[in-house]
Amino acid sequence: MPVTEKASKITVDLGDRALYRALKLAAVEEDMTVREVVIEAVQYWLDHREEIEDQLASEKADRVETTRDGAQR
């Protein structure tokens, strides 16, 4: 008898009804379920998190530099 993988389930409190409504609307617009959107988003984040962290760090450094010299870049 083959071993089957049991689905993993989580509960996520988005903390904001408007965010959940926006998620549902976006899913409908993409002809996807909320589940599919969340899986895709989590997979994207896992695949690209180093790039995302680098981008966020760069943006933070830019904001600090702008604040330090008082000029906009």
PDB file of N, CA and C in Angstrom:
ATOM      1  N   MET A   1       0.836  -1.169   0.000  1.00  0.00           N
ATOM      2  CA  MET A   1       0.000   0.000   0.000  1.00  0.00           C
ATOM      3  C   MET A   1       0.888   1.242   0.000  1.00  0.00           C
ATOM      4  N   PRO A   2       0.717   2.161  -0.981  1.00  0.00           N
ATOM      5  CA  PRO A   2       1.581   3.335  -1.068  1.00  0.00           C
ATOM      6  C   PRO A   2       1.288   4.326   0.048  1.00  0.00           C
ATOM      7  N   VAL A   3       2.335   5.008   0.454  1.00  0.00           N
ATOM      8  CA  VAL A   3       2.190   6.036   1.476  1.00  0.00           C
ATOM      9  C   VAL A   3       1.647   7.291   0.798  1.00  0.00           C
ATOM     10  N   THR A   4       0.579   7.822   1.357  1.00  0.00           N
ATOM     11  CA  THR A   4       0.019   9.049   0.807  1.00  0.00           C
ATOM     12  C   THR A   4       0.354  10.210   1.719  1.00  0.00           C
ATOM     13  N   GLU A   5       0.602  11.355   1.119  1.00  0.00           N
ATOM     14  CA  GLU A   5       0.925  12.539   1.894  1.00  0.00           C
ATOM     15  C   GLU A   5      -0.365  13.190   2.382  1.00  0.00           C
ATOM     16  N   LYS A   6      -0.421  13.401   3.663  1.00  0.00           N
ATOM     17  CA  LYS A   6      -1.590  14.035   4.252  1.00  0.00           C
ATOM     18  C   LYS A   6      -1.463  15.549   4.089  1.00  0.00           C
ATOM     19  N   ALA A   7      -2.542  16.191   3.725  1.00  0.00           N
ATOM     20  CA  ALA A   7      -2.529  17.637   3.541  1.00  0.00           C
ATOM     21  C   ALA A   7      -2.221  18.346   4.854  1.00  0.00           C
ATOM     22  N   SER A   8      -1.462  19.411   4.766  1.00  0.00           N
ATOM     23  CA  SER A   8      -1.166  20.234   5.929  1.00  0.00           C
ATOM     24  C   SER A   8      -2.123  21.411   5.938  1.00  0.00           C
ATOM     25  N   LYS A   9      -2.667  21.689   7.092  1.00  0.00           N
ATOM     26  CA  LYS A   9      -3.607  22.789   7.225  1.00  0.00           C
ATOM     27  C   LYS A   9      -3.107  23.766   8.267  1.00  0.00           C
ATOM     28  N   ILE A  10      -3.366  25.047   8.003  1.00  0.00           N
ATOM     29  CA  ILE A  10      -3.044  26.090   8.959  1.00  0.00           C
ATOM     30  C   ILE A  10      -4.224  27.055   9.046  1.00  0.00           C
ATOM     31  N   THR A  11      -4.264  27.793  10.123  1.00  0.00           N
ATOM     32  CA  THR A  11      -5.238  28.870  10.263  1.00  0.00           C
ATOM     33  C   THR A  11      -4.445  30.162  10.333  1.00  0.00           C
ATOM     34  N   VAL A  12      -4.846  31.135   9.540  1.00  0.00           N
ATOM     35  CA  VAL A  12      -4.148  32.415   9.504  1.00  0.00           C
ATOM     36  C   VAL A  12      -5.131  33.519   9.860  1.00  0.00           C
ATOM     37  N   ASP A  13      -4.782  34.297  10.857  1.00  0.00           N
ATOM     38  CA  ASP A  13      -5.583  35.462  11.229  1.00  0.00           C
ATOM     39  C   ASP A  13      -4.950  36.659  10.535  1.00  0.00           C
ATOM     40  N   LEU A  14      -5.581  37.156   9.485  1.00  0.00           N
ATOM     41  CA  LEU A  14      -5.040  38.283   8.741  1.00  0.00           C
ATOM     42  C   LEU A  14      -5.160  39.586   9.514  1.00  0.00           C
ATOM     43  N   GLY A  15      -6.011  39.601  10.528  1.00  0.00           N
ATOM     44  CA  GLY A  15      -6.119  40.765  11.377  1.00  0.00           C
ATOM     45  C   GLY A  15      -6.832  41.956  10.764  1.00  0.00           C
ATOM     46  N   ASP A  16      -7.388  41.756   9.572  1.00  0.00           N
ATOM     47  CA  ASP A  16      -8.014  42.879   8.881  1.00  0.00           C
ATOM     48  C   ASP A  16      -9.023  42.337   7.878  1.00  0.00           C
ATOM     49  N   ARG A  17     -10.296  42.638   8.116  1.00  0.00           N
ATOM     50  CA  ARG A  17     -11.338  42.150   7.202  1.00  0.00           C
ATOM     51  C   ARG A  17     -11.159  42.683   5.793  1.00  0.00           C
ATOM     52  N   ALA A  18     -10.714  43.930   5.678  1.00  0.00           N
ATOM     53  CA  ALA A  18     -10.521  44.523   4.352  1.00  0.00           C
ATOM     54  C   ALA A  18      -9.445  43.768   3.577  1.00  0.00           C
ATOM     55  N   LEU A  19      -8.411  43.339   4.269  1.00  0.00           N
ATOM     56  CA  LEU A  19      -7.350  42.562   3.615  1.00  0.00           C
ATOM     57  C   LEU A  19      -7.906  41.239   3.107  1.00  0.00           C
ATOM     58  N   TYR A  20      -8.721  40.577   3.920  1.00  0.00           N
ATOM     59  CA  TYR A  20      -9.320  39.310   3.498  1.00  0.00           C
ATOM     60  C   TYR A  20     -10.256  39.516   2.304  1.00  0.00           C
ATOM     61  N   ARG A  21     -11.045  40.574   2.335  1.00  0.00           N
ATOM     62  CA  ARG A  21     -11.936  40.864   1.197  1.00  0.00           C
ATOM     63  C   ARG A  21     -11.128  41.131  -0.061  1.00  0.00           C
ATOM     64  N   ALA A  22     -10.034  41.873   0.064  1.00  0.00           N
ATOM     65  CA  ALA A  22      -9.170  42.149  -1.088  1.00  0.00           C
ATOM     66  C   ALA A  22      -8.560  40.858  -1.625  1.00  0.00           C
ATOM     67  N   LEU A  23      -8.178  39.958  -0.720  1.00  0.00           N
ATOM     68  CA  LEU A  23      -7.630  38.666  -1.120  1.00  0.00           C
ATOM     69  C   LEU A  23      -8.664  37.848  -1.881  1.00  0.00           C
ATOM     70  N   LYS A  24      -9.882  37.793  -1.349  1.00  0.00           N
ATOM     71  CA  LYS A  24     -10.949  37.046  -2.033  1.00  0.00           C
ATOM     72  C   LYS A  24     -11.236  37.632  -3.404  1.00  0.00           C
ATOM     73  N   LEU A  25     -11.298  38.961  -3.497  1.00  0.00           N
ATOM     74  CA  LEU A  25     -11.574  39.610  -4.770  1.00  0.00           C
ATOM     75  C   LEU A  25     -10.465  39.333  -5.777  1.00  0.00           C
ATOM     76  N   ALA A  26      -9.230  39.439  -5.343  1.00  0.00           N
ATOM     77  CA  ALA A  26      -8.098  39.167  -6.233  1.00  0.00           C
ATOM     78  C   ALA A  26      -8.118  37.720  -6.710  1.00  0.00           C
ATOM     79  N   ALA A  27      -8.465  36.804  -5.819  1.00  0.00           N
ATOM     80  CA  ALA A  27      -8.547  35.396  -6.203  1.00  0.00           C
ATOM     81  C   ALA A  27      -9.596  35.199  -7.279  1.00  0.00           C
ATOM     82  N   VAL A  28     -10.759  35.802  -7.098  1.00  0.00           N
ATOM     83  CA  VAL A  28     -11.832  35.689  -8.099  1.00  0.00           C
ATOM     84  C   VAL A  28     -11.378  36.269  -9.429  1.00  0.00           C
ATOM     85  N   GLU A  29     -10.726  37.441  -9.373  1.00  0.00           N
ATOM     86  CA  GLU A  29     -10.253  38.085 -10.600  1.00  0.00           C
ATOM     87  C   GLU A  29      -9.254  37.215 -11.355  1.00  0.00           C
ATOM     88  N   GLU A  30      -8.490  36.416 -10.623  1.00  0.00           N
ATOM     89  CA  GLU A  30      -7.497  35.530 -11.238  1.00  0.00           C
ATOM     90  C   GLU A  30      -8.046  34.129 -11.497  1.00  0.00           C
ATOM     91  N   ASP A  31      -9.341  33.942 -11.236  1.00  0.00           N
ATOM     92  CA  ASP A  31      -9.980  32.631 -11.381  1.00  0.00           C
ATOM     93  C   ASP A  31      -9.253  31.573 -10.549  1.00  0.00           C
ATOM     94  N   MET A  32      -8.963  31.942  -9.297  1.00  0.00           N
ATOM     95  CA  MET A  32      -8.264  31.066  -8.368  1.00  0.00           C
ATOM     96  C   MET A  32      -9.048  31.021  -7.065  1.00  0.00           C
ATOM     97  N   THR A  33      -8.745  30.034  -6.245  1.00  0.00           N
ATOM     98  CA  THR A  33      -9.296  29.996  -4.898  1.00  0.00           C
ATOM     99  C   THR A  33      -8.342  30.757  -3.975  1.00  0.00           C
ATOM    100  N   VAL A  34      -8.846  31.167  -2.805  1.00  0.00           N
ATOM    101  CA  VAL A  34      -7.986  31.812  -1.819  1.00  0.00           C
ATOM    102  C   VAL A  34      -6.852  30.858  -1.454  1.00  0.00           C
ATOM    103  N   ARG A  35      -7.164  29.605  -1.321  1.00  0.00           N
ATOM    104  CA  ARG A  35      -6.154  28.586  -1.008  1.00  0.00           C
ATOM    105  C   ARG A  35      -5.031  28.594  -2.043  1.00  0.00           C
ATOM    106  N   GLU A  36      -5.397  28.631  -3.322  1.00  0.00           N
ATOM    107  CA  GLU A  36      -4.398  28.631  -4.398  1.00  0.00           C
ATOM    108  C   GLU A  36      -3.536  29.894  -4.354  1.00  0.00           C
ATOM    109  N   VAL A  37      -4.166  31.040  -4.078  1.00  0.00           N
ATOM    110  CA  VAL A  37      -3.414  32.296  -3.999  1.00  0.00           C
ATOM    111  C   VAL A  37      -2.416  32.234  -2.838  1.00  0.00           C
ATOM    112  N   VAL A  38      -2.862  31.749  -1.696  1.00  0.00           N
ATOM    113  CA  VAL A  38      -1.981  31.677  -0.527  1.00  0.00           C
ATOM    114  C   VAL A  38      -0.825  30.714  -0.783  1.00  0.00           C
ATOM    115  N   ILE A  39      -1.115  29.568  -1.359  1.00  0.00           N
ATOM    116  CA  ILE A  39      -0.047  28.605  -1.667  1.00  0.00           C
ATOM    117  C   ILE A  39       0.960  29.230  -2.624  1.00  0.00           C
ATOM    118  N   GLU A  40       0.469  29.908  -3.662  1.00  0.00           N
ATOM    119  CA  GLU A  40       1.360  30.545  -4.630  1.00  0.00           C
ATOM    120  C   GLU A  40       2.204  31.633  -3.970  1.00  0.00           C
ATOM    121  N   ALA A  41       1.586  32.422  -3.105  1.00  0.00           N
ATOM    122  CA  ALA A  41       2.304  33.505  -2.422  1.00  0.00           C
ATOM    123  C   ALA A  41       3.374  32.959  -1.485  1.00  0.00           C
ATOM    124  N   VAL A  42       3.042  31.932  -0.732  1.00  0.00           N
ATOM    125  CA  VAL A  42       4.011  31.332   0.188  1.00  0.00           C
ATOM    126  C   VAL A  42       5.154  30.698  -0.597  1.00  0.00           C
ATOM    127  N   GLN A  43       4.844  30.004  -1.676  1.00  0.00           N
ATOM    128  CA  GLN A  43       5.890  29.383  -2.491  1.00  0.00           C
ATOM    129  C   GLN A  43       6.798  30.444  -3.102  1.00  0.00           C
ATOM    130  N   TYR A  44       6.209  31.537  -3.591  1.00  0.00           N
ATOM    131  CA  TYR A  44       7.005  32.629  -4.156  1.00  0.00           C
ATOM    132  C   TYR A  44       7.937  33.200  -3.088  1.00  0.00           C
ATOM    133  N   TRP A  45       7.386  33.454  -1.896  1.00  0.00           N
ATOM    134  CA  TRP A  45       8.206  33.999  -0.822  1.00  0.00           C
ATOM    135  C   TRP A  45       9.362  33.061  -0.472  1.00  0.00           C
ATOM    136  N   LEU A  46       9.087  31.773  -0.369  1.00  0.00           N
ATOM    137  CA  LEU A  46      10.142  30.810  -0.054  1.00  0.00           C
ATOM    138  C   LEU A  46      11.213  30.797  -1.138  1.00  0.00           C
ATOM    139  N   ASP A  47      10.801  30.877  -2.389  1.00  0.00           N
ATOM    140  CA  ASP A  47      11.739  30.836  -3.514  1.00  0.00           C
ATOM    141  C   ASP A  47      12.548  32.124  -3.662  1.00  0.00           C
ATOM    142  N   HIS A  48      11.999  33.259  -3.196  1.00  0.00           N
ATOM    143  CA  HIS A  48      12.623  34.559  -3.451  1.00  0.00           C
ATOM    144  C   HIS A  48      12.953  35.355  -2.192  1.00  0.00           C
ATOM    145  N   ARG A  49      12.918  34.745  -1.031  1.00  0.00           N
ATOM    146  CA  ARG A  49      13.048  35.530   0.199  1.00  0.00           C
ATOM    147  C   ARG A  49      14.386  36.245   0.332  1.00  0.00           C
ATOM    148  N   GLU A  50      15.472  35.657  -0.153  1.00  0.00           N
ATOM    149  CA  GLU A  50      16.752  36.362  -0.070  1.00  0.00           C
ATOM    150  C   GLU A  50      16.726  37.621  -0.924  1.00  0.00           C
ATOM    151  N   GLU A  51      16.160  37.518  -2.126  1.00  0.00           N
ATOM    152  CA  GLU A  51      16.048  38.690  -2.997  1.00  0.00           C
ATOM    153  C   GLU A  51      15.151  39.748  -2.348  1.00  0.00           C
ATOM    154  N   ILE A  52      14.052  39.308  -1.758  1.00  0.00           N
ATOM    155  CA  ILE A  52      13.114  40.227  -1.109  1.00  0.00           C
ATOM    156  C   ILE A  52      13.795  40.911   0.069  1.00  0.00           C
ATOM    157  N   GLU A  53      14.512  40.155   0.888  1.00  0.00           N
ATOM    158  CA  GLU A  53      15.207  40.731   2.039  1.00  0.00           C
ATOM    159  C   GLU A  53      16.262  41.734   1.589  1.00  0.00           C
ATOM    160  N   ASP A  54      16.996  41.424   0.512  1.00  0.00           N
ATOM    161  CA  ASP A  54      18.004  42.346  -0.017  1.00  0.00           C
ATOM    162  C   ASP A  54      17.344  43.638  -0.488  1.00  0.00           C
ATOM    163  N   GLN A  55      16.213  43.507  -1.189  1.00  0.00           N
ATOM    164  CA  GLN A  55      15.505  44.687  -1.690  1.00  0.00           C
ATOM    165  C   GLN A  55      15.009  45.547  -0.535  1.00  0.00           C
ATOM    166  N   LEU A  56      14.425  44.921   0.487  1.00  0.00           N
ATOM    167  CA  LEU A  56      13.940  45.670   1.641  1.00  0.00           C
ATOM    168  C   LEU A  56      15.087  46.366   2.378  1.00  0.00           C
ATOM    169  N   ALA A  57      16.216  45.694   2.519  1.00  0.00           N
ATOM    170  CA  ALA A  57      17.372  46.294   3.181  1.00  0.00           C
ATOM    171  C   ALA A  57      17.884  47.482   2.383  1.00  0.00           C
ATOM    172  N   SER A  58      17.899  47.364   1.064  1.00  0.00           N
ATOM    173  CA  SER A  58      18.343  48.457   0.202  1.00  0.00           C
ATOM    174  C   SER A  58      17.409  49.660   0.322  1.00  0.00           C
ATOM    175  N   GLU A  59      16.105  49.393   0.323  1.00  0.00           N
ATOM    176  CA  GLU A  59      15.131  50.476   0.456  1.00  0.00           C
ATOM    177  C   GLU A  59      15.253  51.159   1.815  1.00  0.00           C
ATOM    178  N   LYS A  60      15.503  50.378   2.861  1.00  0.00           N
ATOM    179  CA  LYS A  60      15.668  50.953   4.199  1.00  0.00           C
ATOM    180  C   LYS A  60      16.918  51.823   4.247  1.00  0.00           C
ATOM    181  N   ALA A  61      18.013  51.358   3.642  1.00  0.00           N
ATOM    182  CA  ALA A  61      19.247  52.141   3.609  1.00  0.00           C
ATOM    183  C   ALA A  61      19.029  53.443   2.839  1.00  0.00           C
ATOM    184  N   ASP A  62      18.274  53.390   1.756  1.00  0.00           N
ATOM    185  CA  ASP A  62      17.968  54.602   0.988  1.00  0.00           C
ATOM    186  C   ASP A  62      17.186  55.602   1.830  1.00  0.00           C
ATOM    187  N   ARG A  63      16.216  55.109   2.613  1.00  0.00           N
ATOM    188  CA  ARG A  63      15.417  55.998   3.467  1.00  0.00           C
ATOM    189  C   ARG A  63      16.289  56.633   4.546  1.00  0.00           C
ATOM    190  N   VAL A  64      17.194  55.860   5.120  1.00  0.00           N
ATOM    191  CA  VAL A  64      18.085  56.383   6.152  1.00  0.00           C
ATOM    192  C   VAL A  64      18.984  57.445   5.547  1.00  0.00           C
ATOM    193  N   GLU A  65      19.528  57.195   4.373  1.00  0.00           N
ATOM    194  CA  GLU A  65      20.405  58.154   3.718  1.00  0.00           C
ATOM    195  C   GLU A  65      19.644  59.436   3.373  1.00  0.00           C
ATOM    196  N   THR A  66      18.418  59.307   2.900  1.00  0.00           N
ATOM    197  CA  THR A  66      17.608  60.480   2.577  1.00  0.00           C
ATOM    198  C   THR A  66      17.341  61.290   3.828  1.00  0.00           C
ATOM    199  N   THR A  67      17.056  60.637   4.929  1.00  0.00           N
ATOM    200  CA  THR A  67      16.796  61.315   6.194  1.00  0.00           C
ATOM    201  C   THR A  67      18.058  61.993   6.696  1.00  0.00           C
ATOM    202  N   ARG A  68      19.177  61.332   6.543  1.00  0.00           N
ATOM    203  CA  ARG A  68      20.451  61.836   7.066  1.00  0.00           C
ATOM    204  C   ARG A  68      20.854  63.136   6.364  1.00  0.00           C
ATOM    205  N   ASP A  69      20.763  63.178   5.028  1.00  0.00           N
ATOM    206  CA  ASP A  69      21.217  64.388   4.333  1.00  0.00           C
ATOM    207  C   ASP A  69      20.071  65.333   3.981  1.00  0.00           C
ATOM    208  N   GLY A  70      18.828  64.920   4.294  1.00  0.00           N
ATOM    209  CA  GLY A  70      17.679  65.791   4.097  1.00  0.00           C
ATOM    210  C   GLY A  70      17.274  65.997   2.652  1.00  0.00           C
ATOM    211  N   ALA A  71      17.899  65.324   1.747  1.00  0.00           N
ATOM    212  CA  ALA A  71      17.582  65.492   0.323  1.00  0.00           C
ATOM    213  C   ALA A  71      16.882  64.245  -0.215  1.00  0.00           C
ATOM    214  N   GLN A  72      16.052  64.457  -1.176  1.00  0.00           N
ATOM    215  CA  GLN A  72      15.401  63.325  -1.858  1.00  0.00           C
ATOM    216  C   GLN A  72      16.328  62.825  -2.948  1.00  0.00           C
ATOM    217  N   ARG A  73      16.323  61.537  -3.164  1.00  0.00           N
ATOM    218  CA  ARG A  73      17.114  60.959  -4.260  1.00  0.00           C
ATOM    219  C   ARG A  73      16.269  60.810  -5.465  1.00  0.00           C
TER     220      ARG A  73
END
